[in-house]
Amino acid sequence: MLAFLVACAAPRAERTVAPTSDVVVGPGGAKLHEYVDRLARCGAFSGSVLVARGDTVLLDGGYGFADQRRGIPVTRSTVFDIGSVAKQFAAVAVLRLELDGRLSVDDALARYFPDAPADKREITIHHLLTHTSGLPGDFETGDQRTTTVDDPTLAARVLALPLESAPGTTFRYSNVGYVLLRLVIERASGLPYARYVTERLLRPAGLTRTGWHGDAALWAPGEVARGAWGLYDSGSPRDWPLHGATFGAGEMVSSPDELFRWLRALDAGQVLPEDARRKLFTPRSHWSGVGAEERGPDARYAYGWEVRTRADGTVGLVFHNGTYDNFRTTVRRYTCDDTTIVVATNSRQQDAGDRADEVGNALRDLMIGDDVPLAPRTLELLPSELAAFEGSYEIPDGARLRVSRTTPDRLWLAPHGQRAFDAIWAPDADRAKLNERIARRTLDVIEELRATPCVAGLSSWSAMFCGLVERFGPLERVELEGVAPLSWSTDTSMSYTVLDFARGRITVTWEWRGEELVKTMSSVDVPEPQSVPLAPVGATSFVMYDWFTDRTLPIDFTTVDRLRIGDGPPVVSARLSDPR
């Protein structure tokens, strides 16, 4: 999924305008727009995309929903959490301070942290920038969420972490290294990090809508995308507090058009002179460890940027990805033809967080003239036309398929019972057996959690369950809805349960890798998290499009009270009189 192309293509020209406020330039831009627009209309993508060659923007548009519950669309000015794409701003801040004589990339940490332990004193700013400090990747998850920005013990806590290798010897992608870098920038500049970056970098580059978590005054609520994991809503960066344990490595908010403006400002020398800009993008450490195999042997890290080199050693691609919560952003510069691709998404599907990367890959393929699979062409149906299909449809063995307008713009299909799940996901024999084991394992885990006393020092799963018991009372009934395989993985599955407590009903989604529990999601206001989006392709015909496999599952309402589903032998279900 990180196999980025470094090939080049001929330039495009001629400007046209898409039916929305999106910017589309020429037939090339129209082709890019069609690809993303079809994905979004099938419910397979939500986000913002910018593609440019040189200063000419070919595509700048929003797709899907910034807030799917309220039906607020993404526009080209919608801002997103950009995750680790924020690291480049820390790197530029360091180089700006070096130009001003405030620091040197060769400075050791002892200059800024006199009480640093002996094994950390000789770590340099260069080591932090290139992930070769030897520091671990992150704090523990609990520390990430509870550490405040102004925590006076933060530096000491970072420096107390055990080294995983001697400084300068091994690449280890380290978010805590960039947290420490943020503290260095504050000490060298004498200003809070956000203020320094805003005043010395963002404003000179013309960025007015880029900020950080919690910058509520900078944007109206609808201008900031809310994270979504299927139908789960994870909130807005506008409302999130800054966390000391990740601020500097991430927690920045921006949009593709602002990030493009930033890149062109770098090119124009508005932020750094040419010598410092070259220093920013010079390949340095070789990527190793997690992600090295899929990145390939030419993967290098510069200052806050990943780079790919060609056979002759020159840089062919400069890029960075970023993930936070359900957001994912990728920024790419193809140097041979001066092409920029920026994709930001606020939605995970099947818990796959690299959708922005896949869209970026496809856009590059289209830019160099390659074909890519297109999602089905869809129709627009009125809300009243969609409402006619809502209801519960019973499969002969007692399982149900429920059709509802869970979000304003589309129908969603929710399976209830394993037979209904299988009608959608069509598992092979081996996957069906795994589903059976996961179903048993899910119920076993719930019984184990119910039997575990709620005391201090619990595992994360037990703590989660005890929190539900404290809020809603004893667990009284468990209903297993079914198990769905994730089509992008051979061994990852989701099981879906309804837990009835004395004072409330909760839906819990359990993610499994093999038979190991790796994640849970729970909600009181998402009654059917197993739902999949449907896209209309005819007056009574819909499809579920699985982007990962390019599979199109037909769903036809053959009469007013019958639903036919399947791309093999169809499953026909009859509408129940009870709409639930």
Protein backbone atom coordinates (compact mmCIF):
# COMPACT_ATOMS: atom_id res chain seq x y z
CA MET A 1 0.00 0.00 0.00
CA LEU A 2 3.08 2.23 0.13
CA ALA A 3 4.29 1.33 -3.36
CA PHE A 4 4.36 4.92 -4.64
CA LEU A 5 5.11 5.51 -8.31
CA VAL A 6 8.05 7.74 -9.21
CA ALA A 7 7.18 7.86 -12.93
CA CYS A 8 6.47 11.01 -14.93
CA ALA A 9 3.74 12.12 -17.33
CA ALA A 10 3.06 14.84 -19.90
CA PRO A 11 1.46 18.09 -18.70
CA ARG A 12 -2.26 18.86 -19.06
CA ALA A 13 -4.00 22.16 -19.88
CA GLU A 14 -7.42 23.86 -20.29
CA ARG A 15 -9.67 24.70 -17.38
CA THR A 16 -13.25 23.59 -16.71
CA VAL A 17 -15.45 23.65 -13.62
CA ALA A 18 -17.12 20.64 -11.98
CA PRO A 19 -20.83 20.70 -11.09
CA THR A 20 -19.95 21.65 -7.50
CA SER A 21 -17.55 24.33 -6.27
CA ASP A 22 -14.68 21.92 -6.86
CA VAL A 23 -11.89 23.08 -9.19
CA VAL A 24 -11.31 20.79 -12.16
CA VAL A 25 -8.86 21.55 -14.97
CA GLY A 26 -9.21 20.00 -18.40
CA PRO A 27 -9.93 16.39 -19.36
CA GLY A 28 -7.15 15.17 -17.10
CA GLY A 29 -8.67 16.87 -14.07
CA ALA A 30 -12.10 15.60 -15.04
CA LYS A 31 -10.79 12.04 -15.07
CA LEU A 32 -9.29 12.50 -11.60
CA HIS A 33 -12.54 13.99 -10.34
CA GLU A 34 -14.61 11.15 -11.77
CA TYR A 35 -12.46 8.55 -10.00
CA VAL A 36 -12.81 10.14 -6.55
CA ASP A 37 -16.42 11.21 -7.05
CA ARG A 38 -17.53 7.67 -7.90
CA LEU A 39 -15.82 6.32 -4.79
CA ALA A 40 -17.55 8.90 -2.61
CA ARG A 41 -20.97 8.29 -4.13
CA CYS A 42 -20.57 4.58 -3.34
CA GLY A 43 -19.71 5.45 0.27
CA ALA A 44 -16.11 4.27 -0.18
CA PHE A 45 -14.35 7.61 0.39
CA SER A 46 -14.85 10.80 2.37
CA GLY A 47 -12.30 13.58 2.23
CA SER A 48 -10.60 16.29 0.23
CA VAL A 49 -8.22 15.93 -2.71
CA LEU A 50 -5.81 18.28 -4.47
CA VAL A 51 -3.71 17.41 -7.53
CA ALA A 52 -1.44 19.97 -9.20
CA ARG A 53 1.35 20.16 -11.71
CA GLY A 54 3.61 23.06 -10.91
CA ASP A 55 1.40 25.99 -9.91
CA THR A 56 -1.56 24.69 -11.93
CA VAL A 57 -4.23 22.99 -9.86
CA LEU A 58 -5.86 20.15 -11.82
CA LEU A 59 -8.25 19.07 -9.08
CA ASP A 60 -9.18 20.63 -5.77
CA GLY A 61 -12.39 19.24 -4.34
CA GLY A 62 -14.30 17.83 -1.41
CA TYR A 63 -16.10 14.49 -1.42
CA GLY A 64 -18.34 12.76 1.08
CA PHE A 65 -19.23 14.24 4.44
CA ALA A 66 -17.39 16.32 7.00
CA ASP A 67 -20.18 15.33 9.41
CA GLN A 68 -22.13 12.35 8.10
CA ARG A 69 -24.76 12.43 10.84
CA ARG A 70 -25.75 16.01 10.04
CA GLY A 71 -25.17 15.65 6.31
CA ILE A 72 -22.54 18.44 6.15
CA PRO A 73 -20.48 17.88 2.98
CA VAL A 74 -16.72 18.10 2.66
CA THR A 75 -15.64 21.14 0.64
CA ARG A 76 -12.21 22.07 -0.62
CA SER A 77 -11.83 24.38 2.40
CA THR A 78 -12.72 21.70 4.99
CA VAL A 79 -9.81 21.09 7.39
CA PHE A 80 -8.65 17.72 8.73
CA ASP A 81 -6.30 16.38 11.34
CA ILE A 82 -3.11 15.72 9.34
CA GLY A 83 -1.30 13.41 11.78
CA SER A 84 2.44 13.07 11.21
CA VAL A 85 2.38 15.37 8.19
CA ALA A 86 2.86 17.94 10.97
CA LYS A 87 6.47 16.78 11.45
CA GLN A 88 7.66 18.82 8.47
CA PHE A 89 6.62 22.03 10.26
CA ALA A 90 8.80 21.11 13.24
CA ALA A 91 11.68 20.42 10.85
CA VAL A 92 11.27 23.77 9.09
CA ALA A 93 11.08 25.52 12.46
CA VAL A 94 14.44 24.00 13.40
CA LEU A 95 16.05 25.15 10.16
CA ARG A 96 14.54 28.62 10.56
CA LEU A 97 15.99 28.86 14.08
CA GLU A 98 19.35 27.64 12.78
CA LEU A 99 19.36 30.45 10.19
CA ASP A 100 18.62 32.92 12.99
CA GLY A 101 21.56 31.61 15.03
CA ARG A 102 19.35 30.22 17.82
CA LEU A 103 20.46 26.60 17.45
CA SER A 104 22.36 24.14 15.29
CA VAL A 105 21.15 20.73 14.10
CA ASP A 106 24.42 19.41 15.56
CA ASP A 107 23.57 20.67 19.06
CA ALA A 108 23.40 17.96 21.72
CA LEU A 109 20.37 17.74 24.01
CA ALA A 110 22.56 18.58 27.00
CA ARG A 111 22.50 22.21 25.80
CA TYR A 112 18.73 22.40 26.25
CA PHE A 113 18.22 19.82 29.00
CA PRO A 114 21.17 20.09 31.40
CA ASP A 115 19.72 17.37 33.63
CA ALA A 116 19.39 14.84 30.80
CA PRO A 117 20.56 11.32 31.73
CA ALA A 118 24.06 10.41 30.59
CA ASP A 119 22.85 8.11 27.80
CA LYS A 120 20.71 10.91 26.29
CA ARG A 121 23.05 13.89 26.61
CA GLU A 122 24.76 13.35 23.25
CA ILE A 123 21.58 12.87 21.25
CA THR A 124 21.58 15.68 18.69
CA ILE A 125 18.80 17.64 17.04
CA HIS A 126 19.82 15.92 13.80
CA HIS A 127 19.17 12.55 15.46
CA LEU A 128 15.67 13.68 16.49
CA LEU A 129 14.88 14.99 13.02
CA THR A 130 15.96 11.75 11.31
CA HIS A 131 14.53 9.27 13.86
CA THR A 132 17.99 8.00 14.81
CA SER A 133 18.00 9.15 18.44
CA GLY A 134 17.40 5.65 19.79
CA LEU A 135 14.25 6.79 21.59
CA PRO A 136 11.17 4.54 21.39
CA GLY A 137 8.23 5.29 19.13
CA ASP A 138 5.62 6.48 21.63
CA PHE A 139 4.56 6.78 25.22
CA GLU A 140 2.12 4.25 26.53
CA THR A 141 -1.39 4.90 25.18
CA GLY A 142 -2.71 6.15 28.51
CA ASP A 143 0.12 8.69 28.78
CA GLN A 144 -0.59 9.94 25.25
CA ARG A 145 -4.15 10.89 26.20
CA THR A 146 -3.58 12.28 29.69
CA THR A 147 -0.36 14.33 29.41
CA THR A 148 -1.03 18.06 29.11
CA VAL A 149 0.94 20.45 26.92
CA ASP A 150 2.22 22.43 29.90
CA ASP A 151 3.22 19.37 31.95
CA PRO A 152 6.52 20.49 33.60
CA THR A 153 7.70 16.88 33.86
CA LEU A 154 7.26 16.08 30.14
CA ALA A 155 10.90 16.52 29.10
CA ALA A 156 12.13 14.47 32.04
CA ARG A 157 9.63 11.72 31.24
CA VAL A 158 10.72 11.55 27.60
CA LEU A 159 14.38 11.50 28.59
CA ALA A 160 13.70 8.77 31.16
CA LEU A 161 12.47 6.38 28.46
CA PRO A 162 14.97 3.59 27.81
CA LEU A 163 16.94 3.83 24.57
CA GLU A 164 16.32 1.10 22.04
CA SER A 165 19.66 1.69 20.31
CA ALA A 166 22.69 3.94 20.63
CA PRO A 167 22.10 7.46 19.26
CA GLY A 168 22.96 7.81 15.58
CA THR A 169 23.11 4.08 14.83
CA THR A 170 19.60 2.88 13.96
CA PHE A 171 16.43 4.27 12.40
CA ARG A 172 13.39 3.96 14.67
CA TYR A 173 10.37 6.09 13.78
CA SER A 174 9.81 8.07 16.97
CA ASN A 175 6.92 10.37 17.79
CA VAL A 176 8.38 11.09 21.22
CA GLY A 177 11.52 12.29 19.45
CA TYR A 178 9.47 14.98 17.74
CA VAL A 179 7.76 15.84 21.02
CA LEU A 180 11.23 16.49 22.42
CA LEU A 181 12.04 18.49 19.29
CA ARG A 182 9.03 20.69 20.02
CA LEU A 183 10.41 21.39 23.50
CA VAL A 184 13.81 22.26 21.97
CA ILE A 185 12.13 24.72 19.59
CA GLU A 186 10.32 26.37 22.49
CA ARG A 187 13.51 26.74 24.51
CA ALA A 188 15.53 28.02 21.56
CA SER A 189 12.87 30.49 20.36
CA GLY A 190 11.53 31.60 23.73
CA LEU A 191 7.98 31.19 22.39
CA PRO A 192 5.28 28.53 22.67
CA TYR A 193 5.61 26.12 19.76
CA ALA A 194 2.24 26.93 18.16
CA ARG A 195 2.90 30.66 18.32
CA TYR A 196 6.36 30.34 16.80
CA VAL A 197 5.18 28.14 13.94
CA THR A 198 2.16 30.36 13.27
CA GLU A 199 4.05 33.67 13.30
CA ARG A 200 7.30 32.62 11.63
CA LEU A 201 6.14 29.92 9.22
CA LEU A 202 2.39 29.76 8.55
CA ARG A 203 1.59 33.44 8.16
CA PRO A 204 4.61 34.24 5.92
CA ALA A 205 3.53 31.32 3.72
CA GLY A 206 -0.03 32.64 3.47
CA LEU A 207 -1.66 29.91 5.56
CA THR A 208 -4.59 31.34 7.51
CA ARG A 209 -6.70 28.25 8.27
CA THR A 210 -4.02 25.85 9.53
CA GLY A 211 -3.83 25.34 13.28
CA TRP A 212 -3.95 22.77 16.05
CA HIS A 213 -6.38 20.74 18.09
CA GLY A 214 -8.68 22.94 20.11
CA ASP A 215 -8.28 26.09 17.95
CA ALA A 216 -12.03 26.67 18.14
CA ALA A 217 -11.74 30.37 17.23
CA LEU A 218 -10.03 29.54 13.92
CA TRP A 219 -12.90 27.57 12.36
CA ALA A 220 -16.66 27.27 12.57
CA PRO A 221 -17.80 23.77 13.65
CA GLY A 222 -18.89 22.69 10.16
CA GLU A 223 -15.52 23.67 8.65
CA VAL A 224 -13.65 20.93 10.55
CA ALA A 225 -14.19 17.33 9.48
CA ARG A 226 -15.39 14.92 12.14
CA GLY A 227 -13.73 11.52 12.31
CA ALA A 228 -15.82 8.50 11.36
CA TRP A 229 -15.24 4.76 11.73
CA GLY A 230 -18.09 3.35 9.71
CA LEU A 231 -21.09 4.84 11.51
CA TYR A 232 -19.14 5.64 14.69
CA ASP A 233 -18.45 9.37 15.14
CA SER A 234 -15.15 10.04 16.89
CA GLY A 235 -15.49 13.80 17.16
CA SER A 236 -13.80 16.90 15.78
CA PRO A 237 -10.20 18.15 16.21
CA ARG A 238 -11.77 21.56 16.81
CA ASP A 239 -12.99 20.23 20.16
CA TRP A 240 -10.04 18.02 21.10
CA PRO A 241 -7.44 19.22 23.61
CA LEU A 242 -3.74 19.24 22.81
CA HIS A 243 -1.83 16.34 24.36
CA GLY A 244 1.69 16.98 25.51
CA ALA A 245 2.80 13.46 24.65
CA THR A 246 2.03 13.86 20.93
CA PHE A 247 2.00 17.63 20.25
CA GLY A 248 4.90 18.38 17.92
CA ALA A 249 4.71 14.97 16.29
CA GLY A 250 1.11 15.65 15.24
CA GLU A 251 -2.16 17.26 16.43
CA MET A 252 -2.12 19.77 13.57
CA VAL A 253 -5.16 20.63 11.44
CA SER A 254 -5.07 21.77 7.81
CA SER A 255 -6.53 21.19 4.35
CA PRO A 256 -5.07 19.98 1.04
CA ASP A 257 -5.26 23.46 -0.49
CA GLU A 258 -3.43 25.01 2.48
CA LEU A 259 -0.77 22.28 2.40
CA PHE A 260 -0.29 22.92 -1.33
CA ARG A 261 0.10 26.63 -0.63
CA TRP A 262 2.71 25.73 2.00
CA LEU A 263 4.70 23.61 -0.47
CA ARG A 264 4.70 26.35 -3.11
CA ALA A 265 5.81 28.87 -0.47
CA LEU A 266 8.73 26.59 0.36
CA ASP A 267 9.60 26.41 -3.34
CA ALA A 268 9.41 30.19 -3.68
CA GLY A 269 11.75 30.86 -0.75
CA GLN A 270 9.08 32.55 1.36
CA VAL A 271 9.94 30.41 4.40
CA LEU A 272 13.51 29.16 3.89
CA PRO A 273 16.32 30.16 1.52
CA GLU A 274 17.39 27.60 -1.07
CA ASP A 275 20.33 26.16 0.91
CA ALA A 276 18.11 25.44 3.91
CA ARG A 277 15.34 24.03 1.67
CA ARG A 278 17.82 21.60 0.12
CA LYS A 279 18.88 20.60 3.61
CA LEU A 280 15.23 19.88 4.47
CA PHE A 281 14.82 17.38 1.62
CA THR A 282 18.27 15.74 1.57
CA PRO A 283 17.98 11.94 2.02
CA ARG A 284 19.58 10.84 5.26
CA SER A 285 18.65 7.82 7.39
CA HIS A 286 17.54 4.55 5.76
CA TRP A 287 14.08 3.44 6.85
CA SER A 288 14.27 0.26 8.91
CA GLY A 289 12.01 -1.67 11.27
CA VAL A 290 8.22 -1.44 10.97
CA GLY A 291 7.17 -0.63 7.40
CA ALA A 292 10.62 -1.10 5.87
CA GLU A 293 9.71 -4.13 3.73
CA GLU A 294 6.71 -2.52 2.06
CA ARG A 295 8.58 0.75 1.54
CA GLY A 296 11.48 -0.92 -0.25
CA PRO A 297 15.27 -0.51 -0.14
CA ASP A 298 15.25 3.08 -1.49
CA ALA A 299 13.20 4.43 1.44
CA ARG A 300 15.05 7.23 3.22
CA TYR A 301 14.12 9.88 5.76
CA ALA A 302 15.15 13.52 5.42
CA TYR A 303 14.12 16.23 7.92
CA GLY A 304 10.40 15.68 8.59
CA TRP A 305 9.92 14.09 5.15
CA GLU A 306 10.26 10.64 3.63
CA VAL A 307 12.06 10.50 0.29
CA ARG A 308 12.44 7.99 -2.51
CA THR A 309 15.54 8.00 -4.68
CA ARG A 310 15.95 6.94 -8.29
CA ALA A 311 18.60 4.59 -9.63
CA ASP A 312 20.93 7.55 -10.21
CA GLY A 313 20.59 8.62 -6.58
CA THR A 314 18.47 11.71 -7.25
CA VAL A 315 15.24 12.29 -5.34
CA GLY A 316 12.14 11.22 -7.28
CA LEU A 317 9.51 11.51 -4.58
CA VAL A 318 9.18 13.55 -1.39
CA PHE A 319 6.22 12.64 0.78
CA HIS A 320 4.76 12.03 4.21
CA ASN A 321 1.66 10.34 5.55
CA GLY A 322 -0.14 11.03 8.79
CA THR A 323 -2.72 9.23 10.90
CA TYR A 324 -4.63 10.30 13.97
CA ASP A 325 -7.84 8.75 15.22
CA ASN A 326 -9.89 8.09 12.04
CA PHE A 327 -8.06 10.68 9.94
CA ARG A 328 -5.41 9.96 7.34
CA THR A 329 -3.48 12.39 5.13
CA THR A 330 -0.87 11.86 2.44
CA VAL A 331 1.23 14.62 0.85
CA ARG A 332 3.39 13.77 -2.18
CA ARG A 333 5.76 15.71 -4.43
CA TYR A 334 6.95 13.96 -7.59
CA THR A 335 10.04 15.96 -8.47
CA CYS A 336 10.52 14.78 -12.07
CA ASP A 337 7.32 16.44 -13.30
CA ASP A 338 6.59 18.77 -10.35
CA THR A 339 3.34 16.99 -9.50
CA THR A 340 1.73 17.42 -6.07
CA ILE A 341 -0.93 15.07 -4.71
CA VAL A 342 -2.58 15.76 -1.34
CA VAL A 343 -5.36 13.54 -0.01
CA ALA A 344 -7.02 13.95 3.39
CA THR A 345 -9.73 11.62 4.66
CA ASN A 346 -11.81 11.58 7.83
CA SER A 347 -13.32 8.10 7.49
CA ARG A 348 -12.10 4.57 8.02
CA GLN A 349 -13.80 1.68 6.25
CA GLN A 350 -13.41 -1.86 7.58
CA ASP A 351 -10.92 -0.28 10.01
CA ALA A 352 -8.47 0.36 7.16
CA GLY A 353 -6.68 3.63 7.85
CA ASP A 354 -4.68 3.93 4.63
CA ARG A 355 -7.49 4.94 2.27
CA ALA A 356 -5.79 8.27 1.54
CA ASP A 357 -2.69 6.37 0.40
CA GLU A 358 -4.70 4.17 -1.96
CA VAL A 359 -6.47 7.18 -3.47
CA GLY A 360 -3.09 8.87 -3.89
CA ASN A 361 -1.72 5.80 -5.67
CA ALA A 362 -4.69 5.71 -8.05
CA LEU A 363 -4.47 9.43 -8.79
CA ARG A 364 -0.80 9.05 -9.68
CA ASP A 365 -1.64 6.11 -11.95
CA LEU A 366 -4.21 8.27 -13.73
CA MET A 367 -1.75 11.16 -14.01
CA ILE A 368 0.75 9.00 -15.91
CA GLY A 369 -1.89 7.49 -18.16
CA ASP A 370 -2.53 4.15 -16.46
CA ASP A 371 -6.01 2.74 -15.99
CA VAL A 372 -7.50 2.19 -12.54
CA PRO A 373 -10.71 0.39 -11.52
CA LEU A 374 -13.65 2.77 -11.24
CA ALA A 375 -16.45 2.40 -8.71
CA PRO A 376 -19.88 1.86 -10.28
CA ARG A 377 -21.68 4.83 -11.78
CA THR A 378 -24.56 5.76 -9.50
CA LEU A 379 -27.82 7.71 -9.65
CA GLU A 380 -29.33 10.42 -7.48
CA LEU A 381 -32.56 9.38 -5.73
CA LEU A 382 -34.76 11.70 -3.69
CA PRO A 383 -35.09 11.10 0.06
CA SER A 384 -38.71 10.07 -0.48
CA GLU A 385 -37.59 7.51 -3.06
CA LEU A 386 -34.98 6.09 -0.67
CA ALA A 387 -37.51 5.96 2.17
CA ALA A 388 -39.71 3.58 0.19
CA PHE A 389 -37.17 0.79 0.66
CA GLU A 390 -36.65 1.17 4.41
CA GLY A 391 -37.61 -1.76 6.59
CA SER A 392 -36.56 -5.18 7.87
CA TYR A 393 -36.36 -8.10 5.47
CA GLU A 394 -36.35 -11.65 6.84
CA ILE A 395 -34.21 -14.42 5.39
CA PRO A 396 -35.92 -17.86 5.55
CA ASP A 397 -33.75 -19.15 8.43
CA GLY A 398 -34.72 -16.22 10.68
CA ALA A 399 -31.82 -13.85 10.04
CA ARG A 400 -32.70 -10.30 8.98
CA LEU A 401 -31.43 -7.56 6.70
CA ARG A 402 -32.50 -4.08 7.81
CA VAL A 403 -32.50 -1.18 5.35
CA SER A 404 -32.51 2.33 6.77
CA ARG A 405 -31.50 5.90 6.06
CA THR A 406 -29.06 5.97 8.97
CA THR A 407 -27.48 9.07 7.44
CA PRO A 408 -29.51 11.61 5.44
CA ASP A 409 -28.00 10.96 2.04
CA ARG A 410 -28.09 7.20 1.60
CA LEU A 411 -29.48 3.81 2.49
CA TRP A 412 -27.53 1.48 4.75
CA LEU A 413 -27.88 -2.29 4.94
CA ALA A 414 -27.47 -3.93 8.37
CA PRO A 415 -27.24 -7.72 8.71
CA HIS A 416 -28.67 -9.40 11.83
CA GLY A 417 -27.70 -13.06 12.22
CA GLN A 418 -24.77 -14.89 10.65
CA ARG A 419 -26.75 -15.98 7.60
CA ALA A 420 -27.38 -12.32 6.80
CA PHE A 421 -23.69 -11.46 7.31
CA ASP A 422 -22.71 -14.28 4.95
CA ALA A 423 -25.15 -13.02 2.32
CA ILE A 424 -23.13 -9.79 2.21
CA TRP A 425 -19.56 -11.01 2.69
CA ALA A 426 -19.77 -14.49 1.07
CA PRO A 427 -16.91 -16.09 3.06
CA ASP A 428 -15.14 -19.13 1.67
CA ALA A 429 -15.06 -22.38 3.69
CA ASP A 430 -11.93 -21.48 5.65
CA ARG A 431 -13.18 -18.01 6.48
CA ALA A 432 -16.58 -19.40 7.51
CA LYS A 433 -14.84 -21.72 10.00
CA LEU A 434 -12.82 -18.79 11.35
CA ASN A 435 -16.07 -16.82 11.72
CA GLU A 436 -17.50 -19.66 13.83
CA ARG A 437 -14.46 -19.63 16.10
CA ILE A 438 -14.58 -15.84 16.42
CA ALA A 439 -18.28 -16.02 17.34
CA ARG A 440 -17.54 -18.47 20.16
CA ARG A 441 -14.49 -16.50 21.25
CA THR A 442 -16.52 -13.26 21.40
CA LEU A 443 -19.10 -14.79 23.75
CA ASP A 444 -16.35 -16.39 25.85
CA VAL A 445 -14.55 -13.05 26.26
CA ILE A 446 -17.77 -11.34 27.34
CA GLU A 447 -18.37 -14.01 29.98
CA GLU A 448 -14.77 -13.66 31.17
CA LEU A 449 -15.20 -9.90 31.47
CA ARG A 450 -18.48 -10.31 33.34
CA ALA A 451 -16.79 -12.66 35.81
CA THR A 452 -13.80 -10.35 36.44
CA PRO A 453 -14.10 -8.15 39.59
CA CYS A 454 -13.88 -4.44 38.87
CA VAL A 455 -10.76 -3.48 40.82
CA ALA A 456 -7.65 -1.41 40.18
CA GLY A 457 -5.01 -2.65 37.74
CA LEU A 458 -7.35 -4.24 35.22
CA SER A 459 -6.49 -5.01 31.60
CA SER A 460 -7.72 -2.49 29.04
CA TRP A 461 -10.60 -4.80 28.03
CA SER A 462 -11.71 -5.32 31.63
CA ALA A 463 -11.42 -1.60 32.34
CA MET A 464 -13.61 -0.89 29.32
CA PHE A 465 -16.23 -3.38 30.47
CA CYS A 466 -16.18 -2.18 34.07
CA GLY A 467 -16.70 1.37 32.82
CA LEU A 468 -19.86 0.21 31.06
CA VAL A 469 -21.07 -1.59 34.19
CA GLU A 470 -20.43 1.49 36.31
CA ARG A 471 -22.43 3.63 33.88
CA PHE A 472 -25.27 1.27 32.95
CA GLY A 473 -25.49 -1.34 35.71
CA PRO A 474 -25.12 -5.13 35.53
CA LEU A 475 -25.07 -6.91 32.18
CA GLU A 476 -28.33 -8.79 31.71
CA ARG A 477 -28.34 -10.08 28.13
CA VAL A 478 -25.92 -10.62 25.25
CA GLU A 479 -26.89 -10.86 21.59
CA LEU A 480 -24.29 -11.76 18.96
CA GLU A 481 -25.31 -10.18 15.67
CA GLY A 482 -22.66 -11.92 13.58
CA VAL A 483 -19.06 -11.93 12.34
CA ALA A 484 -17.79 -10.16 9.21
CA PRO A 485 -14.40 -10.81 7.58
CA LEU A 486 -12.43 -7.75 6.50
CA SER A 487 -11.82 -8.09 2.79
CA TRP A 488 -8.42 -6.38 2.83
CA SER A 489 -7.03 -8.98 5.27
CA THR A 490 -6.86 -12.76 5.33
CA ASP A 491 -7.11 -13.02 9.10
CA THR A 492 -8.86 -9.90 10.44
CA SER A 493 -12.53 -10.00 11.41
CA MET A 494 -15.17 -7.95 13.20
CA SER A 495 -17.77 -9.40 15.54
CA TYR A 496 -20.79 -7.34 16.50
CA THR A 497 -22.74 -7.63 19.74
CA VAL A 498 -25.64 -5.95 21.52
CA LEU A 499 -25.20 -5.81 25.30
CA ASP A 500 -28.30 -5.11 27.39
CA PHE A 501 -27.38 -3.64 30.76
CA ALA A 502 -29.84 -2.83 33.53
CA ARG A 503 -29.93 0.85 32.53
CA GLY A 504 -29.14 0.85 28.84
CA ARG A 505 -28.29 -0.95 25.60
CA ILE A 506 -24.80 -0.75 24.09
CA THR A 507 -23.47 -1.98 20.76
CA VAL A 508 -19.89 -3.25 20.90
CA THR A 509 -17.70 -4.04 17.89
CA TRP A 510 -14.80 -6.43 18.49
CA GLU A 511 -11.84 -6.53 16.09
CA TRP A 512 -9.89 -9.78 15.85
CA ARG A 513 -6.60 -10.69 14.22
CA GLY A 514 -6.84 -14.42 13.91
CA GLU A 515 -8.36 -15.26 17.27
CA GLU A 516 -6.60 -12.45 19.15
CA LEU A 517 -8.70 -9.49 20.26
CA VAL A 518 -7.00 -6.26 19.14
CA LYS A 519 -9.60 -3.49 19.41
CA THR A 520 -13.12 -2.63 20.56
CA MET A 521 -15.55 0.16 19.75
CA SER A 522 -18.74 0.80 21.72
CA SER A 523 -21.63 3.24 21.43
CA VAL A 524 -25.06 4.00 22.81
CA ASP A 525 -26.16 5.88 19.69
CA VAL A 526 -24.93 3.61 16.86
CA PRO A 527 -27.46 0.76 16.99
CA GLU A 528 -26.16 -1.02 13.88
CA PRO A 529 -22.41 -0.53 13.44
CA GLN A 530 -22.32 -3.52 11.08
CA SER A 531 -24.17 -1.49 8.44
CA VAL A 532 -22.74 -1.10 4.94
CA PRO A 533 -23.58 1.80 2.59
CA LEU A 534 -25.72 1.20 -0.48
CA ALA A 535 -25.47 3.21 -3.69
CA PRO A 536 -28.37 3.47 -6.16
CA VAL A 537 -27.65 2.29 -9.71
CA GLY A 538 -31.29 2.12 -10.83
CA ALA A 539 -34.78 2.99 -9.68
CA THR A 540 -34.98 -0.19 -7.55
CA SER A 541 -31.38 -1.43 -7.79
CA PHE A 542 -28.48 -0.71 -5.45
CA VAL A 543 -24.92 -1.95 -4.96
CA MET A 544 -22.53 -2.38 -2.11
CA TYR A 545 -19.07 -1.58 -3.47
CA ASP A 546 -16.02 -3.10 -1.77
CA TRP A 547 -13.13 -0.96 -2.87
CA PHE A 548 -10.50 -3.31 -1.47
CA THR A 549 -11.52 -6.14 -3.80
CA ASP A 550 -13.33 -4.09 -6.49
CA ARG A 551 -16.36 -6.28 -5.75
CA THR A 552 -19.82 -4.97 -6.55
CA LEU A 553 -22.63 -6.71 -4.66
CA PRO A 554 -26.07 -6.19 -6.23
CA ILE A 555 -29.09 -5.52 -4.03
CA ASP A 556 -32.42 -5.37 -5.87
CA PHE A 557 -35.85 -4.58 -4.52
CA THR A 558 -37.73 -6.88 -6.88
CA THR A 559 -41.12 -5.86 -5.53
CA VAL A 560 -42.25 -3.44 -2.87
CA ASP A 561 -41.75 -6.06 -0.17
CA ARG A 562 -38.87 -8.25 -1.38
CA LEU A 563 -35.11 -7.77 -1.36
CA ARG A 564 -32.78 -9.83 -3.53
CA ILE A 565 -29.07 -9.82 -2.64
CA GLY A 566 -26.08 -11.62 -4.10
CA ASP A 567 -23.62 -11.93 -6.95
CA GLY A 568 -23.92 -15.74 -6.85
CA PRO A 569 -27.07 -17.69 -6.01
CA PRO A 570 -29.23 -14.82 -4.67
CA VAL A 571 -30.70 -14.59 -1.20
CA VAL A 572 -34.29 -13.37 -1.30
CA SER A 573 -35.83 -11.92 1.84
CA ALA A 574 -39.33 -10.67 2.54
CA ARG A 575 -40.14 -7.40 4.27
CA LEU A 576 -41.52 -7.75 7.79
CA SER A 577 -44.49 -5.73 8.96
CA ASP A 578 -42.38 -4.47 11.89
CA PRO A 579 -39.94 -1.90 10.39
CA ARG A 580 -37.30 -2.92 12.92
